[in-house]
Amino acid sequence: MVTSRRVFRRYFPLIFILWVIFVLYPNPLNFIISLQRAFNFNADPGAVESMLNDLPSDPAAIEEAVKAIIPYRHDWEVYGMPWYCPTIEQVLERDEGDCKARALVLASVLKAKNISYQVNYTPTHVWVDYEGKQETPIENAQVNFSTRDPETGERQFQIPHIRLSEVTDSFWDSFWGPMPEARKALLISGLLALIVARVILRKKKTAQ
């Protein structure tokens, strides 16, 4: 029993983190796979072949069409996880998704139509850039953190000029806001239980 208490006290930060991971990702492999997919962001022109005849040739018009085809939904709502990078097949099967899903479909269509593009990343957003694309407050060179050229695989980085409040607001809107209430209750109750157990063990140690 004493040994168990010592292990709990010693590894409390790790246990705390593991509980958060368990609640957010019951299968942590999904997060690892998502990181790999997001880093490579492989467009698949073959997956969107059936859509090509119904889509225009202008990239801006294609982007608007993709937004209409893939209504915006948070990863919590579609995949039951706070952050997930799907495959193109998963996006087309569900016909909904967030910026990553839309960017994946758009990149696949542009690649199928031999239109040059780049995939851009910010701390809160992913989008596809192409010649003639109009900048927006969340899609512009200033907020860009990383750019990947799909032809060469070359990746460029820069320090993004983005306010901390924008990052926190985006985190709240996409992570905490759409999180299922049951998962919120599980996360908070578990963390509180760990904190209470930590306090009790510390008091017992002091009293000895």
C-alpha atoms as a PDB file:
ATOM      1  CA  MET A   1       0.000   0.000   0.000  1.00  0.00           C
ATOM      2  CA  VAL A   2       2.826   2.357   0.919  1.00  0.00           C
ATOM      3  CA  THR A   3       4.564   1.568  -2.345  1.00  0.00           C
ATOM      4  CA  SER A   4       1.385   2.341  -4.299  1.00  0.00           C
ATOM      5  CA  ARG A   5       1.113   5.719  -2.578  1.00  0.00           C
ATOM      6  CA  ARG A   6       4.707   6.547  -3.406  1.00  0.00           C
ATOM      7  CA  VAL A   7       4.212   5.585  -7.046  1.00  0.00           C
ATOM      8  CA  PHE A   8       1.061   7.718  -7.215  1.00  0.00           C
ATOM      9  CA  ARG A   9       2.800  10.755  -5.729  1.00  0.00           C
ATOM     10  CA  ARG A  10       5.904  10.360  -7.850  1.00  0.00           C
ATOM     11  CA  TYR A  11       4.095   9.881 -11.125  1.00  0.00           C
ATOM     12  CA  PHE A  12       1.115  12.109 -10.435  1.00  0.00           C
ATOM     13  CA  PRO A  13       1.824  14.529 -13.348  1.00  0.00           C
ATOM     14  CA  LEU A  14       2.113  11.597 -15.751  1.00  0.00           C
ATOM     15  CA  ILE A  15      -1.103  10.023 -14.438  1.00  0.00           C
ATOM     16  CA  PHE A  16      -2.824  13.392 -14.785  1.00  0.00           C
ATOM     17  CA  ILE A  17      -1.738  13.689 -18.435  1.00  0.00           C
ATOM     18  CA  LEU A  18      -2.605  10.075 -19.216  1.00  0.00           C
ATOM     19  CA  TRP A  19      -6.132  10.606 -17.910  1.00  0.00           C
ATOM     20  CA  VAL A  20      -6.615  13.598 -20.208  1.00  0.00           C
ATOM     21  CA  ILE A  21      -5.306  11.593 -23.170  1.00  0.00           C
ATOM     22  CA  PHE A  22      -7.528   8.618 -22.316  1.00  0.00           C
ATOM     23  CA  VAL A  23     -10.672  10.768 -22.195  1.00  0.00           C
ATOM     24  CA  LEU A  24      -9.877  12.671 -25.382  1.00  0.00           C
ATOM     25  CA  TYR A  25      -8.466   9.710 -27.303  1.00  0.00           C
ATOM     26  CA  PRO A  26      -9.589   6.310 -25.961  1.00  0.00           C
ATOM     27  CA  ASN A  27      -7.471   4.978 -28.829  1.00  0.00           C
ATOM     28  CA  PRO A  28      -4.327   7.193 -28.787  1.00  0.00           C
ATOM     29  CA  LEU A  29      -3.254   5.651 -32.095  1.00  0.00           C
ATOM     30  CA  ASN A  30      -5.847   7.875 -33.800  1.00  0.00           C
ATOM     31  CA  PHE A  31      -3.911  10.964 -32.708  1.00  0.00           C
ATOM     32  CA  ILE A  32      -0.591   9.571 -33.938  1.00  0.00           C
ATOM     33  CA  ILE A  33      -2.115   8.604 -37.286  1.00  0.00           C
ATOM     34  CA  SER A  34      -3.676  12.058 -37.595  1.00  0.00           C
ATOM     35  CA  LEU A  35      -0.333  13.765 -37.073  1.00  0.00           C
ATOM     36  CA  GLN A  36       1.216  11.648 -39.801  1.00  0.00           C
ATOM     37  CA  ARG A  37      -1.634  12.377 -42.213  1.00  0.00           C
ATOM     38  CA  ALA A  38      -1.613  16.100 -41.475  1.00  0.00           C
ATOM     39  CA  PHE A  39       2.155  16.295 -41.977  1.00  0.00           C
ATOM     40  CA  ASN A  40       2.052  14.520 -45.342  1.00  0.00           C
ATOM     41  CA  PHE A  41      -1.442  15.639 -46.414  1.00  0.00           C
ATOM     42  CA  ASN A  42      -1.617  13.310 -49.390  1.00  0.00           C
ATOM     43  CA  ALA A  43      -4.206  14.391 -51.950  1.00  0.00           C
ATOM     44  CA  ASP A  44      -5.860  11.550 -53.872  1.00  0.00           C
ATOM     45  CA  PRO A  45      -7.185  12.592 -57.298  1.00  0.00           C
ATOM     46  CA  GLY A  46      -8.565   9.115 -57.911  1.00  0.00           C
ATOM     47  CA  ALA A  47     -10.898   9.394 -54.924  1.00  0.00           C
ATOM     48  CA  VAL A  48     -12.660  12.465 -56.371  1.00  0.00           C
ATOM     49  CA  GLU A  49     -12.779  11.280 -59.989  1.00  0.00           C
ATOM     50  CA  SER A  50     -16.563  10.845 -59.936  1.00  0.00           C
ATOM     51  CA  MET A  51     -16.975  14.496 -58.885  1.00  0.00           C
ATOM     52  CA  LEU A  52     -14.838  16.127 -61.564  1.00  0.00           C
ATOM     53  CA  ASN A  53     -17.431  16.443 -64.329  1.00  0.00           C
ATOM     54  CA  ASP A  54     -19.777  18.342 -61.998  1.00  0.00           C
ATOM     55  CA  LEU A  55     -17.126  20.815 -60.857  1.00  0.00           C
ATOM     56  CA  PRO A  56     -15.938  24.019 -62.599  1.00  0.00           C
ATOM     57  CA  SER A  57     -12.382  24.595 -63.798  1.00  0.00           C
ATOM     58  CA  ASP A  58     -11.697  27.841 -61.928  1.00  0.00           C
ATOM     59  CA  PRO A  59      -9.980  27.033 -58.590  1.00  0.00           C
ATOM     60  CA  ALA A  60     -11.919  29.670 -56.656  1.00  0.00           C
ATOM     61  CA  ALA A  61     -15.200  28.272 -57.965  1.00  0.00           C
ATOM     62  CA  ILE A  62     -14.006  24.760 -57.140  1.00  0.00           C
ATOM     63  CA  GLU A  63     -13.309  25.846 -53.574  1.00  0.00           C
ATOM     64  CA  GLU A  64     -16.809  27.249 -53.167  1.00  0.00           C
ATOM     65  CA  ALA A  65     -18.261  24.040 -54.600  1.00  0.00           C
ATOM     66  CA  VAL A  66     -16.240  21.939 -52.156  1.00  0.00           C
ATOM     67  CA  LYS A  67     -17.497  24.040 -49.245  1.00  0.00           C
ATOM     68  CA  ALA A  68     -21.050  23.361 -50.385  1.00  0.00           C
ATOM     69  CA  ILE A  69     -20.397  19.638 -50.787  1.00  0.00           C
ATOM     70  CA  ILE A  70     -18.636  19.321 -47.398  1.00  0.00           C
ATOM     71  CA  PRO A  71     -20.602  21.251 -44.742  1.00  0.00           C
ATOM     72  CA  TYR A  72     -18.434  22.405 -41.857  1.00  0.00           C
ATOM     73  CA  ARG A  73     -18.550  20.196 -38.763  1.00  0.00           C
ATOM     74  CA  HIS A  74     -16.089  19.893 -35.897  1.00  0.00           C
ATOM     75  CA  ASP A  75     -14.067  16.710 -35.399  1.00  0.00           C
ATOM     76  CA  TRP A  76     -15.889  16.069 -32.124  1.00  0.00           C
ATOM     77  CA  GLU A  77     -19.166  15.945 -34.033  1.00  0.00           C
ATOM     78  CA  VAL A  78     -17.919  13.805 -36.925  1.00  0.00           C
ATOM     79  CA  TYR A  79     -15.297  11.516 -35.404  1.00  0.00           C
ATOM     80  CA  GLY A  80     -15.821  11.783 -31.649  1.00  0.00           C
ATOM     81  CA  MET A  81     -12.334  13.241 -31.111  1.00  0.00           C
ATOM     82  CA  PRO A  82     -11.104  16.793 -30.489  1.00  0.00           C
ATOM     83  CA  TRP A  83      -8.692  16.732 -33.447  1.00  0.00           C
ATOM     84  CA  TYR A  84      -8.546  14.200 -36.251  1.00  0.00           C
ATOM     85  CA  CYS A  85      -7.126  14.232 -39.771  1.00  0.00           C
ATOM     86  CA  PRO A  86      -9.278  11.888 -41.893  1.00  0.00           C
ATOM     87  CA  THR A  87      -8.579  10.154 -45.167  1.00  0.00           C
ATOM     88  CA  ILE A  88     -10.230  11.446 -48.329  1.00  0.00           C
ATOM     89  CA  GLU A  89     -12.435   8.330 -48.301  1.00  0.00           C
ATOM     90  CA  GLN A  90     -13.675   9.105 -44.794  1.00  0.00           C
ATOM     91  CA  VAL A  91     -14.496  12.682 -45.753  1.00  0.00           C
ATOM     92  CA  LEU A  92     -16.466  11.679 -48.838  1.00  0.00           C
ATOM     93  CA  GLU A  93     -18.263   8.927 -46.929  1.00  0.00           C
ATOM     94  CA  ARG A  94     -19.506  11.361 -44.289  1.00  0.00           C
ATOM     95  CA  ASP A  95     -19.891  14.396 -46.583  1.00  0.00           C
ATOM     96  CA  GLU A  96     -18.909  16.752 -43.758  1.00  0.00           C
ATOM     97  CA  GLY A  97     -15.838  17.894 -41.876  1.00  0.00           C
ATOM     98  CA  ASP A  98     -13.711  20.807 -40.749  1.00  0.00           C
ATOM     99  CA  CYS A  99     -10.978  22.769 -42.532  1.00  0.00           C
ATOM    100  CA  LYS A 100      -8.718  19.727 -42.824  1.00  0.00           C
ATOM    101  CA  ALA A 101     -11.441  17.713 -44.543  1.00  0.00           C
ATOM    102  CA  ARG A 102     -12.321  20.518 -46.936  1.00  0.00           C
ATOM    103  CA  ALA A 103      -8.655  21.176 -47.741  1.00  0.00           C
ATOM    104  CA  LEU A 104      -8.087  17.505 -48.459  1.00  0.00           C
ATOM    105  CA  VAL A 105     -10.983  17.361 -50.933  1.00  0.00           C
ATOM    106  CA  LEU A 106     -10.010  20.655 -52.562  1.00  0.00           C
ATOM    107  CA  ALA A 107      -6.372  19.586 -52.936  1.00  0.00           C
ATOM    108  CA  SER A 108      -7.465  16.275 -54.466  1.00  0.00           C
ATOM    109  CA  VAL A 109      -9.704  18.011 -57.006  1.00  0.00           C
ATOM    110  CA  LEU A 110      -7.042  20.573 -57.935  1.00  0.00           C
ATOM    111  CA  LYS A 111      -4.493  17.817 -58.374  1.00  0.00           C
ATOM    112  CA  ALA A 112      -6.917  15.857 -60.568  1.00  0.00           C
ATOM    113  CA  LYS A 113      -7.430  18.950 -62.714  1.00  0.00           C
ATOM    114  CA  ASN A 114      -3.673  19.675 -62.887  1.00  0.00           C
ATOM    115  CA  ILE A 115      -4.050  22.994 -61.077  1.00  0.00           C
ATOM    116  CA  SER A 116      -1.030  24.010 -58.977  1.00  0.00           C
ATOM    117  CA  TYR A 117      -1.638  24.499 -55.260  1.00  0.00           C
ATOM    118  CA  GLN A 118       0.058  24.565 -51.872  1.00  0.00           C
ATOM    119  CA  VAL A 119      -1.165  23.438 -48.472  1.00  0.00           C
ATOM    120  CA  ASN A 120      -0.812  26.069 -45.751  1.00  0.00           C
ATOM    121  CA  TYR A 121      -0.990  25.630 -41.985  1.00  0.00           C
ATOM    122  CA  THR A 122      -1.568  28.011 -39.103  1.00  0.00           C
ATOM    123  CA  PRO A 123      -1.779  27.058 -35.410  1.00  0.00           C
ATOM    124  CA  THR A 124      -5.574  26.883 -35.818  1.00  0.00           C
ATOM    125  CA  HIS A 125      -6.315  26.309 -39.497  1.00  0.00           C
ATOM    126  CA  VAL A 126      -5.404  24.414 -42.680  1.00  0.00           C
ATOM    127  CA  TRP A 127      -6.157  25.731 -46.137  1.00  0.00           C
ATOM    128  CA  VAL A 128      -5.203  25.292 -49.792  1.00  0.00           C
ATOM    129  CA  ASP A 129      -3.574  28.169 -51.640  1.00  0.00           C
ATOM    130  CA  TYR A 130      -3.620  28.571 -55.422  1.00  0.00           C
ATOM    131  CA  GLU A 131      -2.969  31.284 -57.977  1.00  0.00           C
ATOM    132  CA  GLY A 132      -5.516  34.065 -57.655  1.00  0.00           C
ATOM    133  CA  LYS A 133      -6.855  33.014 -54.244  1.00  0.00           C
ATOM    134  CA  GLN A 134      -8.194  35.960 -52.253  1.00  0.00           C
ATOM    135  CA  GLU A 135      -6.783  36.407 -48.767  1.00  0.00           C
ATOM    136  CA  THR A 136      -9.062  36.331 -45.736  1.00  0.00           C
ATOM    137  CA  PRO A 137      -8.422  37.132 -42.044  1.00  0.00           C
ATOM    138  CA  ILE A 138      -7.627  33.463 -41.365  1.00  0.00           C
ATOM    139  CA  GLU A 139      -6.045  32.633 -44.730  1.00  0.00           C
ATOM    140  CA  ASN A 140      -3.158  34.968 -45.528  1.00  0.00           C
ATOM    141  CA  ALA A 141       0.630  35.088 -45.608  1.00  0.00           C
ATOM    142  CA  GLN A 142       0.907  36.800 -42.211  1.00  0.00           C
ATOM    143  CA  VAL A 143      -0.809  34.059 -40.182  1.00  0.00           C
ATOM    144  CA  ASN A 144       0.801  31.232 -42.127  1.00  0.00           C
ATOM    145  CA  PHE A 145       3.029  28.959 -40.053  1.00  0.00           C
ATOM    146  CA  SER A 146       3.993  26.292 -42.586  1.00  0.00           C
ATOM    147  CA  THR A 147       3.634  25.751 -46.335  1.00  0.00           C
ATOM    148  CA  ARG A 148       4.014  22.405 -48.091  1.00  0.00           C
ATOM    149  CA  ASP A 149       4.600  22.089 -51.818  1.00  0.00           C
ATOM    150  CA  PRO A 150       2.849  18.856 -52.907  1.00  0.00           C
ATOM    151  CA  GLU A 151       5.019  18.502 -55.990  1.00  0.00           C
ATOM    152  CA  THR A 152       8.391  18.544 -54.233  1.00  0.00           C
ATOM    153  CA  GLY A 153       7.352  17.787 -50.661  1.00  0.00           C
ATOM    154  CA  GLU A 154       9.362  20.848 -49.623  1.00  0.00           C
ATOM    155  CA  ARG A 155       8.128  22.502 -46.449  1.00  0.00           C
ATOM    156  CA  GLN A 156       8.771  26.105 -45.392  1.00  0.00           C
ATOM    157  CA  PHE A 157       8.243  27.582 -41.934  1.00  0.00           C
ATOM    158  CA  GLN A 158       7.840  31.071 -40.561  1.00  0.00           C
ATOM    159  CA  ILE A 159       6.705  32.701 -37.336  1.00  0.00           C
ATOM    160  CA  PRO A 160       2.959  33.351 -37.702  1.00  0.00           C
ATOM    161  CA  HIS A 161       1.614  36.785 -36.836  1.00  0.00           C
ATOM    162  CA  ILE A 162      -1.493  35.672 -35.012  1.00  0.00           C
ATOM    163  CA  ARG A 163      -2.901  36.999 -31.747  1.00  0.00           C
ATOM    164  CA  LEU A 164      -2.996  34.670 -28.749  1.00  0.00           C
ATOM    165  CA  SER A 165      -6.669  35.535 -28.305  1.00  0.00           C
ATOM    166  CA  GLU A 166      -7.390  34.131 -31.762  1.00  0.00           C
ATOM    167  CA  VAL A 167      -5.713  30.851 -30.828  1.00  0.00           C
ATOM    168  CA  THR A 168      -7.585  30.574 -27.525  1.00  0.00           C
ATOM    169  CA  ASP A 169     -10.911  31.497 -29.146  1.00  0.00           C
ATOM    170  CA  SER A 170     -10.381  28.874 -31.840  1.00  0.00           C
ATOM    171  CA  PHE A 171      -9.449  26.306 -29.193  1.00  0.00           C
ATOM    172  CA  TRP A 172     -12.625  27.045 -27.281  1.00  0.00           C
ATOM    173  CA  ASP A 173     -14.845  26.958 -30.366  1.00  0.00           C
ATOM    174  CA  SER A 174     -13.453  23.725 -31.810  1.00  0.00           C
ATOM    175  CA  PHE A 175     -12.309  21.821 -28.732  1.00  0.00           C
ATOM    176  CA  TRP A 176     -14.343  22.622 -25.640  1.00  0.00           C
ATOM    177  CA  GLY A 177     -17.552  23.977 -27.181  1.00  0.00           C
ATOM    178  CA  PRO A 178     -18.562  20.926 -29.279  1.00  0.00           C
ATOM    179  CA  MET A 179     -17.137  18.398 -26.785  1.00  0.00           C
ATOM    180  CA  PRO A 180     -19.920  15.991 -25.680  1.00  0.00           C
ATOM    181  CA  GLU A 181     -21.250  16.782 -22.219  1.00  0.00           C
ATOM    182  CA  ALA A 182     -20.620  13.220 -21.024  1.00  0.00           C
ATOM    183  CA  ARG A 183     -16.968  13.474 -22.060  1.00  0.00           C
ATOM    184  CA  LYS A 184     -16.642  16.853 -20.311  1.00  0.00           C
ATOM    185  CA  ALA A 185     -18.083  15.357 -17.118  1.00  0.00           C
ATOM    186  CA  LEU A 186     -15.745  12.373 -17.348  1.00  0.00           C
ATOM    187  CA  LEU A 187     -12.703  14.582 -17.904  1.00  0.00           C
ATOM    188  CA  ILE A 188     -13.464  17.007 -15.075  1.00  0.00           C
ATOM    189  CA  SER A 189     -14.580  14.386 -12.542  1.00  0.00           C
ATOM    190  CA  GLY A 190     -11.496  12.281 -13.182  1.00  0.00           C
ATOM    191  CA  LEU A 191      -9.142  15.235 -12.819  1.00  0.00           C
ATOM    192  CA  LEU A 192     -10.861  16.352  -9.635  1.00  0.00           C
ATOM    193  CA  ALA A 193     -10.637  12.835  -8.214  1.00  0.00           C
ATOM    194  CA  LEU A 194      -6.912  12.729  -8.944  1.00  0.00           C
ATOM    195  CA  ILE A 195      -6.360  16.126  -7.313  1.00  0.00           C
ATOM    196  CA  VAL A 196      -8.346  15.141  -4.214  1.00  0.00           C
ATOM    197  CA  ALA A 197      -6.418  11.874  -3.933  1.00  0.00           C
ATOM    198  CA  ARG A 198      -3.154  13.789  -4.246  1.00  0.00           C
ATOM    199  CA  VAL A 199      -4.159  16.221  -1.477  1.00  0.00           C
ATOM    200  CA  ILE A 200      -5.251  13.416   0.851  1.00  0.00           C
ATOM    201  CA  LEU A 201      -2.014  11.483   0.351  1.00  0.00           C
ATOM    202  CA  ARG A 202       0.030  14.629   0.985  1.00  0.00           C
ATOM    203  CA  LYS A 203      -1.825  15.295   4.238  1.00  0.00           C
ATOM    204  CA  LYS A 204      -1.278  11.702   5.349  1.00  0.00           C
ATOM    205  CA  LYS A 205       2.414  11.995   4.590  1.00  0.00           C
ATOM    206  CA  THR A 206       2.642  15.233   6.597  1.00  0.00           C
ATOM    207  CA  ALA A 207       0.796  13.688   9.541  1.00  0.00           C
ATOM    208  CA  GLN A 208       3.219  10.745   9.786  1.00  0.00           C
END
